[in-house]
C-alpha atoms as a PDB file:
ATOM      1  CA  MET A   1    -113.329 -17.785  42.026  1.00  0.00           C
ATOM      2  CA  ILE A   2    -116.627 -19.408  42.908  1.00  0.00           C
ATOM      3  CA  ILE A   3    -119.633 -17.127  42.439  1.00  0.00           C
ATOM      4  CA  GLN A   4    -122.911 -17.895  44.168  1.00  0.00           C
ATOM      5  CA  PRO A   5    -125.843 -17.964  41.754  1.00  0.00           C
ATOM      6  CA  GLU A   6    -128.870 -15.832  42.515  1.00  0.00           C
ATOM      7  CA  ILE A   7    -132.052 -17.524  43.644  1.00  0.00           C
ATOM      8  CA  LYS A   8    -134.760 -16.830  41.073  1.00  0.00           C
ATOM      9  CA  ASN A   9    -137.847 -17.976  43.002  1.00  0.00           C
ATOM     10  CA  TRP A  10    -137.125 -16.645  46.478  1.00  0.00           C
ATOM     11  CA  LYS A  11    -138.874 -18.372  49.376  1.00  0.00           C
ATOM     12  CA  GLU A  12    -138.318 -17.643  53.048  1.00  0.00           C
ATOM     13  CA  GLU A  13    -136.941 -21.133  53.755  1.00  0.00           C
ATOM     14  CA  ASN A  14    -134.286 -20.586  51.077  1.00  0.00           C
ATOM     15  CA  LYS A  15    -132.813 -17.740  53.136  1.00  0.00           C
ATOM     16  CA  TYR A  16    -131.037 -20.129  55.540  1.00  0.00           C
ATOM     17  CA  PHE A  17    -129.785 -22.420  52.778  1.00  0.00           C
ATOM     18  CA  TYR A  18    -128.554 -19.440  50.733  1.00  0.00           C
ATOM     19  CA  GLU A  19    -126.667 -18.003  53.727  1.00  0.00           C
ATOM     20  CA  SER A  20    -125.101 -21.381  54.528  1.00  0.00           C
ATOM     21  CA  GLU A  21    -124.113 -21.807  50.882  1.00  0.00           C
ATOM     22  CA  ARG A  22    -122.598 -18.301  50.895  1.00  0.00           C
ATOM     23  CA  GLN A  23    -120.481 -19.166  53.938  1.00  0.00           C
ATOM     24  CA  HIS A  24    -119.329 -22.436  52.361  1.00  0.00           C
ATOM     25  CA  ILE A  25    -118.419 -20.664  49.117  1.00  0.00           C
ATOM     26  CA  ALA A  26    -116.302 -18.252  51.167  1.00  0.00           C
ATOM     27  CA  VAL A  27    -114.469 -21.226  52.716  1.00  0.00           C
ATOM     28  CA  LEU A  28    -113.884 -22.790  49.297  1.00  0.00           C
ATOM     29  CA  ASN A  29    -112.799 -19.451  47.825  1.00  0.00           C
ATOM     30  CA  GLU A  30    -109.972 -19.342  50.379  1.00  0.00           C
ATOM     31  CA  ILE A  31    -108.574 -22.176  48.249  1.00  0.00           C
ATOM     32  CA  PHE A  32    -109.975 -21.454  44.786  1.00  0.00           C
ATOM     33  CA  GLY A  33    -110.323 -17.657  44.907  1.00  0.00           C
ATOM     34  CA  GLU A  34    -107.445 -16.821  42.555  1.00  0.00           C
ATOM     35  CA  ILE A  35    -107.999 -19.737  40.187  1.00  0.00           C
ATOM     36  CA  ASP A  36    -109.797 -19.322  36.860  1.00  0.00           C
ATOM     37  CA  LEU A  37    -112.462 -22.034  37.057  1.00  0.00           C
ATOM     38  CA  SER A  38    -114.552 -23.369  34.188  1.00  0.00           C
ATOM     39  CA  GLU A  39    -118.353 -23.147  34.390  1.00  0.00           C
ATOM     40  CA  GLU A  40    -118.498 -26.866  35.113  1.00  0.00           C
ATOM     41  CA  GLU A  41    -115.936 -26.592  37.930  1.00  0.00           C
ATOM     42  CA  GLN A  42    -117.824 -23.659  39.448  1.00  0.00           C
ATOM     43  CA  SER A  43    -121.099 -25.537  39.165  1.00  0.00           C
ATOM     44  CA  ILE A  44    -119.698 -28.572  41.001  1.00  0.00           C
ATOM     45  CA  LEU A  45    -118.141 -26.401  43.727  1.00  0.00           C
ATOM     46  CA  VAL A  46    -121.438 -24.516  44.233  1.00  0.00           C
ATOM     47  CA  TRP A  47    -123.163 -27.892  44.513  1.00  0.00           C
ATOM     48  CA  ILE A  48    -120.628 -28.969  47.156  1.00  0.00           C
ATOM     49  CA  ALA A  49    -121.157 -25.636  48.957  1.00  0.00           C
ATOM     50  CA  GLY A  50    -124.776 -26.707  49.433  1.00  0.00           C
ATOM     51  CA  TRP A  51    -123.700 -29.635  51.589  1.00  0.00           C
ATOM     52  CA  ASP A  52    -123.370 -29.556  55.383  1.00  0.00           C
ATOM     53  CA  ASP A  53    -120.593 -27.745  57.302  1.00  0.00           C
ATOM     54  CA  ARG A  54    -118.759 -30.968  58.153  1.00  0.00           C
ATOM     55  CA  THR A  55    -118.508 -32.070  54.529  1.00  0.00           C
ATOM     56  CA  VAL A  56    -117.354 -28.692  53.205  1.00  0.00           C
ATOM     57  CA  ASN A  57    -114.823 -28.239  56.017  1.00  0.00           C
ATOM     58  CA  SER A  58    -113.450 -31.789  55.627  1.00  0.00           C
ATOM     59  CA  LEU A  59    -113.069 -31.372  51.873  1.00  0.00           C
ATOM     60  CA  SER A  60    -111.363 -27.985  52.330  1.00  0.00           C
ATOM     61  CA  SER A  61    -109.006 -29.480  54.908  1.00  0.00           C
ATOM     62  CA  ALA A  62    -108.111 -32.386  52.616  1.00  0.00           C
ATOM     63  CA  ILE A  63    -107.420 -30.038  49.691  1.00  0.00           C
ATOM     64  CA  ARG A  64    -105.185 -27.861  51.899  1.00  0.00           C
ATOM     65  CA  LYS A  65    -103.229 -30.964  52.949  1.00  0.00           C
ATOM     66  CA  VAL A  66    -102.701 -31.909  49.307  1.00  0.00           C
ATOM     67  CA  ILE A  67    -101.492 -28.367  48.529  1.00  0.00           C
ATOM     68  CA  ALA A  68     -99.086 -28.455  51.493  1.00  0.00           C
ATOM     69  CA  ALA A  69     -97.762 -31.899  50.539  1.00  0.00           C
ATOM     70  CA  GLU A  70     -97.244 -30.846  46.918  1.00  0.00           C
ATOM     71  CA  THR A  71     -95.505 -27.636  47.980  1.00  0.00           C
ATOM     72  CA  LYS A  72     -93.179 -29.625  50.246  1.00  0.00           C
ATOM     73  CA  ARG A  73     -92.492 -32.143  47.472  1.00  0.00           C
ATOM     74  CA  LEU A  74     -91.631 -29.373  45.010  1.00  0.00           C
ATOM     75  CA  GLU A  75     -89.377 -27.617  47.534  1.00  0.00           C
ATOM     76  CA  THR A  76     -87.583 -30.882  48.285  1.00  0.00           C
ATOM     77  CA  SER A  77     -87.057 -31.663  44.599  1.00  0.00           C
ATOM     78  CA  HIS A  78     -85.794 -28.104  44.020  1.00  0.00           C
ATOM     79  CA  VAL A  79     -83.219 -28.507  46.830  1.00  0.00           C
ATOM     80  CA  ARG A  80     -82.113 -31.854  45.370  1.00  0.00           C
ATOM     81  CA  GLU A  81     -81.658 -30.249  41.951  1.00  0.00           C
ATOM     82  CA  LYS A  82     -79.439 -27.531  43.466  1.00  0.00           C
ATOM     83  CA  GLN A  83     -77.301 -30.150  45.214  1.00  0.00           C
ATOM     84  CA  LYS A  84     -76.447 -31.900  41.937  1.00  0.00           C
END
């Protein structure tokens, strides 16, 4: 699960960035929420969460497509194994 770090030196302009980052982390946690991530992996994903909506949504979409393709590949290979 990706955890948003706290802002230490709070400034009013950070409020909008922090909220946007929070929303992006929620999107990424739909994918990574149940996965035990290293500190480095979390750090990179928080960094990505700071990018714009389009980037975060496109990356999330691409990752979901990879998951779906891998799931289909595994199901297909499992069916082939049963047919042998």
